[in-house]
Amino acid sequence: MTSPIELYFWPTPNGKKISIALEELGLPYNVNFVNIGAGDQFKPEFLKISPNNRMPAIIDPEGPDRQPISIFESGAILQYLARKTGNLYGRNEREQTAVEQWLMWQMGGLGPMCGQAHHFIKYAPNMDPPHDLPYAKERYKNEVARLYKVLDKQLSENEYVAGEFLSIADIAIWPWSTIWEGQGQTMDDKPNMKRWLDLVGARPAVQKGAALGADQTSNLQDDKKAQEILFKKKP
């Protein structure tokens, strides 16, 4: 029997990438909640697993050569899980290259830009003191809009992001894309992206993985203590 993977998780878009992947791959796992609003990511025992004090992270007790391995960074975890199972990564080098380039697009572009858009549109104006910065809001909102148009064009030619198959690229992009409203976006001019959001979101494994920890979160716009930890804590 396969030993369960230890998942270190909080229900953010990056965290949901891994819970969704584990569900899609049918891998057993135990959930270890890392309450980032309470500062759990700075605890020494977590830093041994994730030295960048970010979740998600995993420990696979049955890693390479059947030895335990710990992994941080959501993109690296997705690649590891796909290699481990031989699923969600394409059937050949051409397909795998397509998956990797869209995974890197999410990791280096879409994720950071969506995160900044969320911060300056939703959170910064509600901080103490407030930081309502029109330039920052427009800067990141416009860049997210550009990236979503890139995605929409890709999806006009493919059922899924990297081709005609579900992959870790879809799983990386989908959790960030579902919260497009908080990024100041519209789907009115992105019909292909809207189709894809519904397609991926209808999968039972995606629904289960995305729902993990839904009862754990607080309203960050009102939680001043969490804001202090997440946005002002010094290293």
C-alpha atoms as a PDB file:
ATOM      1  CA  MET A   1       0.000   0.000   0.000  1.00  0.00           C
ATOM      2  CA  THR A   2       1.303   3.441  -0.934  1.00  0.00           C
ATOM      3  CA  SER A   3       2.250   5.577   2.063  1.00  0.00           C
ATOM      4  CA  PRO A   4       0.390   8.894   2.122  1.00  0.00           C
ATOM      5  CA  ILE A   5       2.142  12.079   1.113  1.00  0.00           C
ATOM      6  CA  GLU A   6       2.301  14.755   3.798  1.00  0.00           C
ATOM      7  CA  LEU A   7       0.816  17.954   2.342  1.00  0.00           C
ATOM      8  CA  TYR A   8       1.620  21.264   4.028  1.00  0.00           C
ATOM      9  CA  PHE A   9      -1.223  23.454   2.921  1.00  0.00           C
ATOM     10  CA  TRP A  10      -3.353  26.541   3.260  1.00  0.00           C
ATOM     11  CA  PRO A  11      -6.312  27.189   0.926  1.00  0.00           C
ATOM     12  CA  THR A  12      -4.719  29.772  -1.357  1.00  0.00           C
ATOM     13  CA  PRO A  13      -4.403  29.420  -5.149  1.00  0.00           C
ATOM     14  CA  ASN A  14      -0.886  28.024  -4.784  1.00  0.00           C
ATOM     15  CA  GLY A  15      -1.990  25.576  -2.121  1.00  0.00           C
ATOM     16  CA  LYS A  16      -4.942  24.409  -4.191  1.00  0.00           C
ATOM     17  CA  LYS A  17      -2.656  23.517  -7.081  1.00  0.00           C
ATOM     18  CA  ILE A  18      -1.290  20.636  -5.028  1.00  0.00           C
ATOM     19  CA  SER A  19      -4.518  19.457  -3.393  1.00  0.00           C
ATOM     20  CA  ILE A  20      -6.127  19.357  -6.856  1.00  0.00           C
ATOM     21  CA  ALA A  21      -3.158  17.487  -8.352  1.00  0.00           C
ATOM     22  CA  LEU A  22      -3.175  14.920  -5.557  1.00  0.00           C
ATOM     23  CA  GLU A  23      -6.885  14.327  -6.078  1.00  0.00           C
ATOM     24  CA  GLU A  24      -6.548  14.062  -9.856  1.00  0.00           C
ATOM     25  CA  LEU A  25      -3.640  11.645  -9.514  1.00  0.00           C
ATOM     26  CA  GLY A  26      -5.417   9.550  -6.885  1.00  0.00           C
ATOM     27  CA  LEU A  27      -2.515   9.761  -4.460  1.00  0.00           C
ATOM     28  CA  PRO A  28      -3.227   9.341  -0.733  1.00  0.00           C
ATOM     29  CA  TYR A  29      -2.234  12.296   1.422  1.00  0.00           C
ATOM     30  CA  ASN A  30      -2.471  13.759   4.902  1.00  0.00           C
ATOM     31  CA  VAL A  31      -3.194  17.453   5.322  1.00  0.00           C
ATOM     32  CA  ASN A  32      -1.052  19.610   7.605  1.00  0.00           C
ATOM     33  CA  PHE A  33      -2.585  23.076   7.724  1.00  0.00           C
ATOM     34  CA  VAL A  34      -0.069  25.924   7.658  1.00  0.00           C
ATOM     35  CA  ASN A  35      -2.040  28.955   8.812  1.00  0.00           C
ATOM     36  CA  ILE A  36      -0.171  31.722   7.024  1.00  0.00           C
ATOM     37  CA  GLY A  37      -2.328  34.389   8.676  1.00  0.00           C
ATOM     38  CA  ALA A  38      -1.144  33.165  12.081  1.00  0.00           C
ATOM     39  CA  GLY A  39       2.519  32.901  11.072  1.00  0.00           C
ATOM     40  CA  ASP A  40       2.827  29.100  10.929  1.00  0.00           C
ATOM     41  CA  GLN A  41       5.075  29.445   7.869  1.00  0.00           C
ATOM     42  CA  PHE A  42       7.810  30.922  10.076  1.00  0.00           C
ATOM     43  CA  LYS A  43       7.951  28.015  12.541  1.00  0.00           C
ATOM     44  CA  PRO A  44      11.355  26.257  12.576  1.00  0.00           C
ATOM     45  CA  GLU A  45       9.858  22.838  11.878  1.00  0.00           C
ATOM     46  CA  PHE A  46       8.177  24.147   8.722  1.00  0.00           C
ATOM     47  CA  LEU A  47      11.284  26.028   7.582  1.00  0.00           C
ATOM     48  CA  LYS A  48      13.162  22.722   7.527  1.00  0.00           C
ATOM     49  CA  ILE A  49      10.772  21.632   4.781  1.00  0.00           C
ATOM     50  CA  SER A  50      10.266  24.982   3.061  1.00  0.00           C
ATOM     51  CA  PRO A  51      13.213  27.324   3.710  1.00  0.00           C
ATOM     52  CA  ASN A  52      11.529  30.107   1.716  1.00  0.00           C
ATOM     53  CA  ASN A  53       8.741  30.177   4.359  1.00  0.00           C
ATOM     54  CA  ARG A  54       6.070  29.574   1.749  1.00  0.00           C
ATOM     55  CA  MET A  55       3.538  26.828   1.403  1.00  0.00           C
ATOM     56  CA  PRO A  56       2.658  24.471  -0.202  1.00  0.00           C
ATOM     57  CA  ALA A  57       5.260  21.864   0.510  1.00  0.00           C
ATOM     58  CA  ILE A  58       5.189  18.092   0.624  1.00  0.00           C
ATOM     59  CA  ILE A  59       7.048  15.184   2.131  1.00  0.00           C
ATOM     60  CA  ASP A  60       6.844  11.983   0.131  1.00  0.00           C
ATOM     61  CA  PRO A  61       7.921   9.039   2.313  1.00  0.00           C
ATOM     62  CA  GLU A  62       8.327   6.985  -0.861  1.00  0.00           C
ATOM     63  CA  GLY A  63      10.531   9.284  -2.899  1.00  0.00           C
ATOM     64  CA  PRO A  64      13.388   8.406  -5.269  1.00  0.00           C
ATOM     65  CA  ASP A  65      14.988   5.062  -4.400  1.00  0.00           C
ATOM     66  CA  ARG A  66      12.102   4.595  -1.932  1.00  0.00           C
ATOM     67  CA  GLN A  67      13.656   7.184   0.348  1.00  0.00           C
ATOM     68  CA  PRO A  68      11.745  10.178   1.799  1.00  0.00           C
ATOM     69  CA  ILE A  69      11.969  13.505  -0.005  1.00  0.00           C
ATOM     70  CA  SER A  70      10.670  16.957   0.883  1.00  0.00           C
ATOM     71  CA  ILE A  71       9.804  19.486  -1.836  1.00  0.00           C
ATOM     72  CA  PHE A  72       8.796  23.141  -1.763  1.00  0.00           C
ATOM     73  CA  GLU A  73       7.617  25.464  -4.585  1.00  0.00           C
ATOM     74  CA  SER A  74       4.297  24.525  -6.167  1.00  0.00           C
ATOM     75  CA  GLY A  75       5.666  24.167  -9.705  1.00  0.00           C
ATOM     76  CA  ALA A  76       8.415  21.798  -8.588  1.00  0.00           C
ATOM     77  CA  ILE A  77       5.878  19.765  -6.602  1.00  0.00           C
ATOM     78  CA  LEU A  78       3.577  19.481  -9.620  1.00  0.00           C
ATOM     79  CA  GLN A  79       6.424  18.303 -11.828  1.00  0.00           C
ATOM     80  CA  TYR A  80       7.531  15.778  -9.222  1.00  0.00           C
ATOM     81  CA  LEU A  81       4.041  14.324  -8.766  1.00  0.00           C
ATOM     82  CA  ALA A  82       3.506  14.096 -12.517  1.00  0.00           C
ATOM     83  CA  ARG A  83       6.832  12.310 -13.013  1.00  0.00           C
ATOM     84  CA  LYS A  84       6.146  10.013 -10.067  1.00  0.00           C
ATOM     85  CA  THR A  85       2.847   8.831 -11.498  1.00  0.00           C
ATOM     86  CA  GLY A  86       3.437   9.237 -15.230  1.00  0.00           C
ATOM     87  CA  ASN A  87       0.232  11.272 -15.514  1.00  0.00           C
ATOM     88  CA  LEU A  88      -0.750  14.893 -16.247  1.00  0.00           C
ATOM     89  CA  TYR A  89       2.553  15.508 -18.052  1.00  0.00           C
ATOM     90  CA  GLY A  90       1.921  14.468 -21.657  1.00  0.00           C
ATOM     91  CA  ARG A  91       2.833  11.294 -23.512  1.00  0.00           C
ATOM     92  CA  ASN A  92       6.054  12.375 -25.226  1.00  0.00           C
ATOM     93  CA  GLU A  93       8.729  15.048 -25.188  1.00  0.00           C
ATOM     94  CA  ARG A  94       6.778  17.389 -27.472  1.00  0.00           C
ATOM     95  CA  GLU A  95       3.732  17.322 -25.191  1.00  0.00           C
ATOM     96  CA  GLN A  96       5.873  17.580 -22.061  1.00  0.00           C
ATOM     97  CA  THR A  97       7.624  20.649 -23.451  1.00  0.00           C
ATOM     98  CA  ALA A  98       4.250  22.288 -24.075  1.00  0.00           C
ATOM     99  CA  VAL A  99       3.217  21.508 -20.497  1.00  0.00           C
ATOM    100  CA  GLU A 100       6.452  22.890 -19.080  1.00  0.00           C
ATOM    101  CA  GLN A 101       6.334  26.155 -20.992  1.00  0.00           C
ATOM    102  CA  TRP A 102       2.796  26.929 -19.801  1.00  0.00           C
ATOM    103  CA  LEU A 103       3.691  25.869 -16.263  1.00  0.00           C
ATOM    104  CA  MET A 104       6.620  28.311 -16.341  1.00  0.00           C
ATOM    105  CA  TRP A 105       4.290  30.968 -17.797  1.00  0.00           C
ATOM    106  CA  GLN A 106       2.107  30.591 -14.740  1.00  0.00           C
ATOM    107  CA  MET A 107       4.930  30.471 -12.236  1.00  0.00           C
ATOM    108  CA  GLY A 108       6.881  33.408 -13.641  1.00  0.00           C
ATOM    109  CA  GLY A 109       4.063  35.561 -14.987  1.00  0.00           C
ATOM    110  CA  LEU A 110       0.434  34.904 -14.224  1.00  0.00           C
ATOM    111  CA  GLY A 111       0.782  33.910 -10.571  1.00  0.00           C
ATOM    112  CA  PRO A 112       2.935  36.859  -9.467  1.00  0.00           C
ATOM    113  CA  MET A 113       0.887  39.370 -11.472  1.00  0.00           C
ATOM    114  CA  CYS A 114      -2.442  38.045 -10.161  1.00  0.00           C
ATOM    115  CA  GLY A 115      -1.055  38.153  -6.642  1.00  0.00           C
ATOM    116  CA  GLN A 116      -0.011  41.791  -7.015  1.00  0.00           C
ATOM    117  CA  ALA A 117      -3.365  42.719  -8.563  1.00  0.00           C
ATOM    118  CA  HIS A 118      -5.175  41.122  -5.635  1.00  0.00           C
ATOM    119  CA  HIS A 119      -2.948  42.882  -3.145  1.00  0.00           C
ATOM    120  CA  PHE A 120      -3.341  46.406  -4.503  1.00  0.00           C
ATOM    121  CA  ILE A 121      -7.021  46.115  -5.463  1.00  0.00           C
ATOM    122  CA  LYS A 122      -8.422  44.191  -2.484  1.00  0.00           C
ATOM    123  CA  TYR A 123      -6.010  44.303   0.435  1.00  0.00           C
ATOM    124  CA  ALA A 124      -3.813  47.407   0.379  1.00  0.00           C
ATOM    125  CA  PRO A 125      -6.760  49.869   0.520  1.00  0.00           C
ATOM    126  CA  ASN A 126      -8.005  48.109   3.688  1.00  0.00           C
ATOM    127  CA  MET A 127      -4.688  48.075   5.520  1.00  0.00           C
ATOM    128  CA  ASP A 128      -3.855  50.262   8.495  1.00  0.00           C
ATOM    129  CA  PRO A 129      -2.973  52.826   7.283  1.00  0.00           C
ATOM    130  CA  PRO A 130      -4.757  52.417   3.919  1.00  0.00           C
ATOM    131  CA  HIS A 131      -2.675  52.258   0.743  1.00  0.00           C
ATOM    132  CA  ASP A 132      -4.979  53.095  -2.156  1.00  0.00           C
ATOM    133  CA  LEU A 133      -2.584  53.389  -5.080  1.00  0.00           C
ATOM    134  CA  PRO A 134      -4.312  53.932  -8.448  1.00  0.00           C
ATOM    135  CA  TYR A 135      -1.096  53.473 -10.450  1.00  0.00           C
ATOM    136  CA  ALA A 136      -0.315  50.104  -8.844  1.00  0.00           C
ATOM    137  CA  LYS A 137      -3.889  48.899  -9.268  1.00  0.00           C
ATOM    138  CA  GLU A 138      -3.966  49.801 -12.956  1.00  0.00           C
ATOM    139  CA  ARG A 139      -0.465  48.495 -13.595  1.00  0.00           C
ATOM    140  CA  TYR A 140      -1.186  44.997 -12.327  1.00  0.00           C
ATOM    141  CA  LYS A 141      -4.801  44.851 -13.510  1.00  0.00           C
ATOM    142  CA  ASN A 142      -3.665  45.671 -17.049  1.00  0.00           C
ATOM    143  CA  GLU A 143      -0.868  43.100 -16.999  1.00  0.00           C
ATOM    144  CA  VAL A 144      -3.246  40.383 -15.768  1.00  0.00           C
ATOM    145  CA  ALA A 145      -5.662  41.339 -18.559  1.00  0.00           C
ATOM    146  CA  ARG A 146      -2.852  40.972 -21.101  1.00  0.00           C
ATOM    147  CA  LEU A 147      -1.908  37.558 -19.749  1.00  0.00           C
ATOM    148  CA  TYR A 148      -5.509  36.362 -19.790  1.00  0.00           C
ATOM    149  CA  LYS A 149      -5.794  37.379 -23.438  1.00  0.00           C
ATOM    150  CA  VAL A 150      -2.709  35.248 -24.139  1.00  0.00           C
ATOM    151  CA  LEU A 151      -4.413  32.369 -22.338  1.00  0.00           C
ATOM    152  CA  ASP A 152      -7.698  32.930 -24.176  1.00  0.00           C
ATOM    153  CA  LYS A 153      -5.939  32.771 -27.539  1.00  0.00           C
ATOM    154  CA  GLN A 154      -4.159  29.560 -26.594  1.00  0.00           C
ATOM    155  CA  LEU A 155      -7.476  28.047 -25.534  1.00  0.00           C
ATOM    156  CA  SER A 156      -9.104  29.066 -28.801  1.00  0.00           C
ATOM    157  CA  GLU A 157      -6.846  26.495 -30.460  1.00  0.00           C
ATOM    158  CA  ASN A 158      -6.699  23.811 -27.741  1.00  0.00           C
ATOM    159  CA  GLU A 159      -9.187  22.177 -25.404  1.00  0.00           C
ATOM    160  CA  TYR A 160      -6.753  22.437 -22.497  1.00  0.00           C
ATOM    161  CA  VAL A 161      -3.811  24.761 -21.986  1.00  0.00           C
ATOM    162  CA  ALA A 162      -1.056  22.524 -23.358  1.00  0.00           C
ATOM    163  CA  GLY A 163      -3.159  20.633 -25.911  1.00  0.00           C
ATOM    164  CA  GLU A 164      -6.046  18.197 -25.907  1.00  0.00           C
ATOM    165  CA  PHE A 165      -5.247  16.714 -22.497  1.00  0.00           C
ATOM    166  CA  LEU A 166      -5.480  17.858 -18.885  1.00  0.00           C
ATOM    167  CA  SER A 167      -2.054  18.559 -17.431  1.00  0.00           C
ATOM    168  CA  ILE A 168      -0.265  20.128 -14.503  1.00  0.00           C
ATOM    169  CA  ALA A 169      -0.255  23.350 -16.529  1.00  0.00           C
ATOM    170  CA  ASP A 170      -4.049  23.525 -16.251  1.00  0.00           C
ATOM    171  CA  ILE A 171      -3.852  22.688 -12.566  1.00  0.00           C
ATOM    172  CA  ALA A 172      -1.308  25.467 -11.973  1.00  0.00           C
ATOM    173  CA  ILE A 173      -3.296  28.116 -13.841  1.00  0.00           C
ATOM    174  CA  TRP A 174      -6.874  27.268 -12.880  1.00  0.00           C
ATOM    175  CA  PRO A 175      -6.901  28.245  -9.155  1.00  0.00           C
ATOM    176  CA  TRP A 176      -5.569  31.729  -9.909  1.00  0.00           C
ATOM    177  CA  SER A 177      -7.910  32.196 -12.858  1.00  0.00           C
ATOM    178  CA  THR A 178     -11.078  31.321 -10.956  1.00  0.00           C
ATOM    179  CA  ILE A 179     -10.711  34.486  -8.860  1.00  0.00           C
ATOM    180  CA  TRP A 180     -10.510  36.827 -11.851  1.00  0.00           C
ATOM    181  CA  GLU A 181     -13.103  39.205 -10.408  1.00  0.00           C
ATOM    182  CA  GLY A 182     -10.812  40.118  -7.509  1.00  0.00           C
ATOM    183  CA  GLN A 183      -8.134  40.926 -10.082  1.00  0.00           C
ATOM    184  CA  GLY A 184     -10.386  43.511 -11.746  1.00  0.00           C
ATOM    185  CA  GLN A 185     -11.028  41.356 -14.822  1.00  0.00           C
ATOM    186  CA  THR A 186     -13.947  40.421 -17.059  1.00  0.00           C
ATOM    187  CA  MET A 187     -14.714  37.263 -18.997  1.00  0.00           C
ATOM    188  CA  ASP A 188     -16.931  39.068 -21.529  1.00  0.00           C
ATOM    189  CA  ASP A 189     -14.095  39.196 -24.073  1.00  0.00           C
ATOM    190  CA  LYS A 190     -12.511  35.827 -23.119  1.00  0.00           C
ATOM    191  CA  PRO A 191     -14.988  33.131 -24.202  1.00  0.00           C
ATOM    192  CA  ASN A 192     -12.357  30.428 -24.559  1.00  0.00           C
ATOM    193  CA  MET A 193     -10.985  31.009 -21.091  1.00  0.00           C
ATOM    194  CA  LYS A 194     -14.536  30.952 -19.699  1.00  0.00           C
ATOM    195  CA  ARG A 195     -15.178  27.617 -21.449  1.00  0.00           C
ATOM    196  CA  TRP A 196     -11.976  26.188 -19.988  1.00  0.00           C
ATOM    197  CA  LEU A 197     -12.712  27.443 -16.469  1.00  0.00           C
ATOM    198  CA  ASP A 198     -16.048  25.624 -16.573  1.00  0.00           C
ATOM    199  CA  LEU A 199     -14.529  22.498 -18.148  1.00  0.00           C
ATOM    200  CA  VAL A 200     -11.812  22.078 -15.536  1.00  0.00           C
ATOM    201  CA  GLY A 201     -14.087  23.178 -12.703  1.00  0.00           C
ATOM    202  CA  ALA A 202     -16.615  20.459 -13.520  1.00  0.00           C
ATOM    203  CA  ARG A 203     -14.129  17.683 -12.732  1.00  0.00           C
ATOM    204  CA  PRO A 204     -14.958  15.983  -9.388  1.00  0.00           C
ATOM    205  CA  ALA A 205     -11.290  15.743  -8.369  1.00  0.00           C
ATOM    206  CA  VAL A 206     -10.789  19.449  -9.056  1.00  0.00           C
ATOM    207  CA  GLN A 207     -13.868  20.314  -7.025  1.00  0.00           C
ATOM    208  CA  LYS A 208     -12.693  18.188  -4.103  1.00  0.00           C
ATOM    209  CA  GLY A 209      -9.155  19.544  -4.164  1.00  0.00           C
ATOM    210  CA  ALA A 210     -10.333  23.143  -4.481  1.00  0.00           C
ATOM    211  CA  ALA A 211     -12.712  22.764  -1.531  1.00  0.00           C
ATOM    212  CA  LEU A 212     -10.021  21.548   0.864  1.00  0.00           C
ATOM    213  CA  GLY A 213      -9.735  23.847   3.881  1.00  0.00           C
ATOM    214  CA  ALA A 214     -12.595  26.113   2.843  1.00  0.00           C
ATOM    215  CA  ASP A 215     -13.632  26.355   6.490  1.00  0.00           C
ATOM    216  CA  GLN A 216     -10.163  27.445   7.627  1.00  0.00           C
ATOM    217  CA  THR A 217      -9.869  30.907   6.111  1.00  0.00           C
ATOM    218  CA  SER A 218     -10.677  34.327   7.532  1.00  0.00           C
ATOM    219  CA  ASN A 219     -11.548  37.517   5.673  1.00  0.00           C
ATOM    220  CA  LEU A 220      -8.108  38.944   5.040  1.00  0.00           C
ATOM    221  CA  GLN A 221      -9.560  42.339   4.181  1.00  0.00           C
ATOM    222  CA  ASP A 222     -10.730  42.666   7.802  1.00  0.00           C
ATOM    223  CA  ASP A 223      -8.110  40.594   9.639  1.00  0.00           C
ATOM    224  CA  LYS A 224      -5.559  43.197  10.724  1.00  0.00           C
ATOM    225  CA  LYS A 225      -3.416  40.691  12.596  1.00  0.00           C
ATOM    226  CA  ALA A 226      -3.079  38.498   9.507  1.00  0.00           C
ATOM    227  CA  GLN A 227      -2.288  41.571   7.394  1.00  0.00           C
ATOM    228  CA  GLU A 228       0.517  42.467   9.776  1.00  0.00           C
ATOM    229  CA  ILE A 229       2.009  38.983   9.485  1.00  0.00           C
ATOM    230  CA  LEU A 230       1.566  38.579   5.737  1.00  0.00           C
ATOM    231  CA  PHE A 231       2.396  42.071   4.511  1.00  0.00           C
ATOM    232  CA  LYS A 232       4.572  43.742   7.127  1.00  0.00           C
ATOM    233  CA  LYS A 233       6.540  41.028   8.926  1.00  0.00           C
ATOM    234  CA  LYS A 234      10.285  41.468   8.495  1.00  0.00           C
ATOM    235  CA  PRO A 235      12.437  38.430   7.648  1.00  0.00           C
END
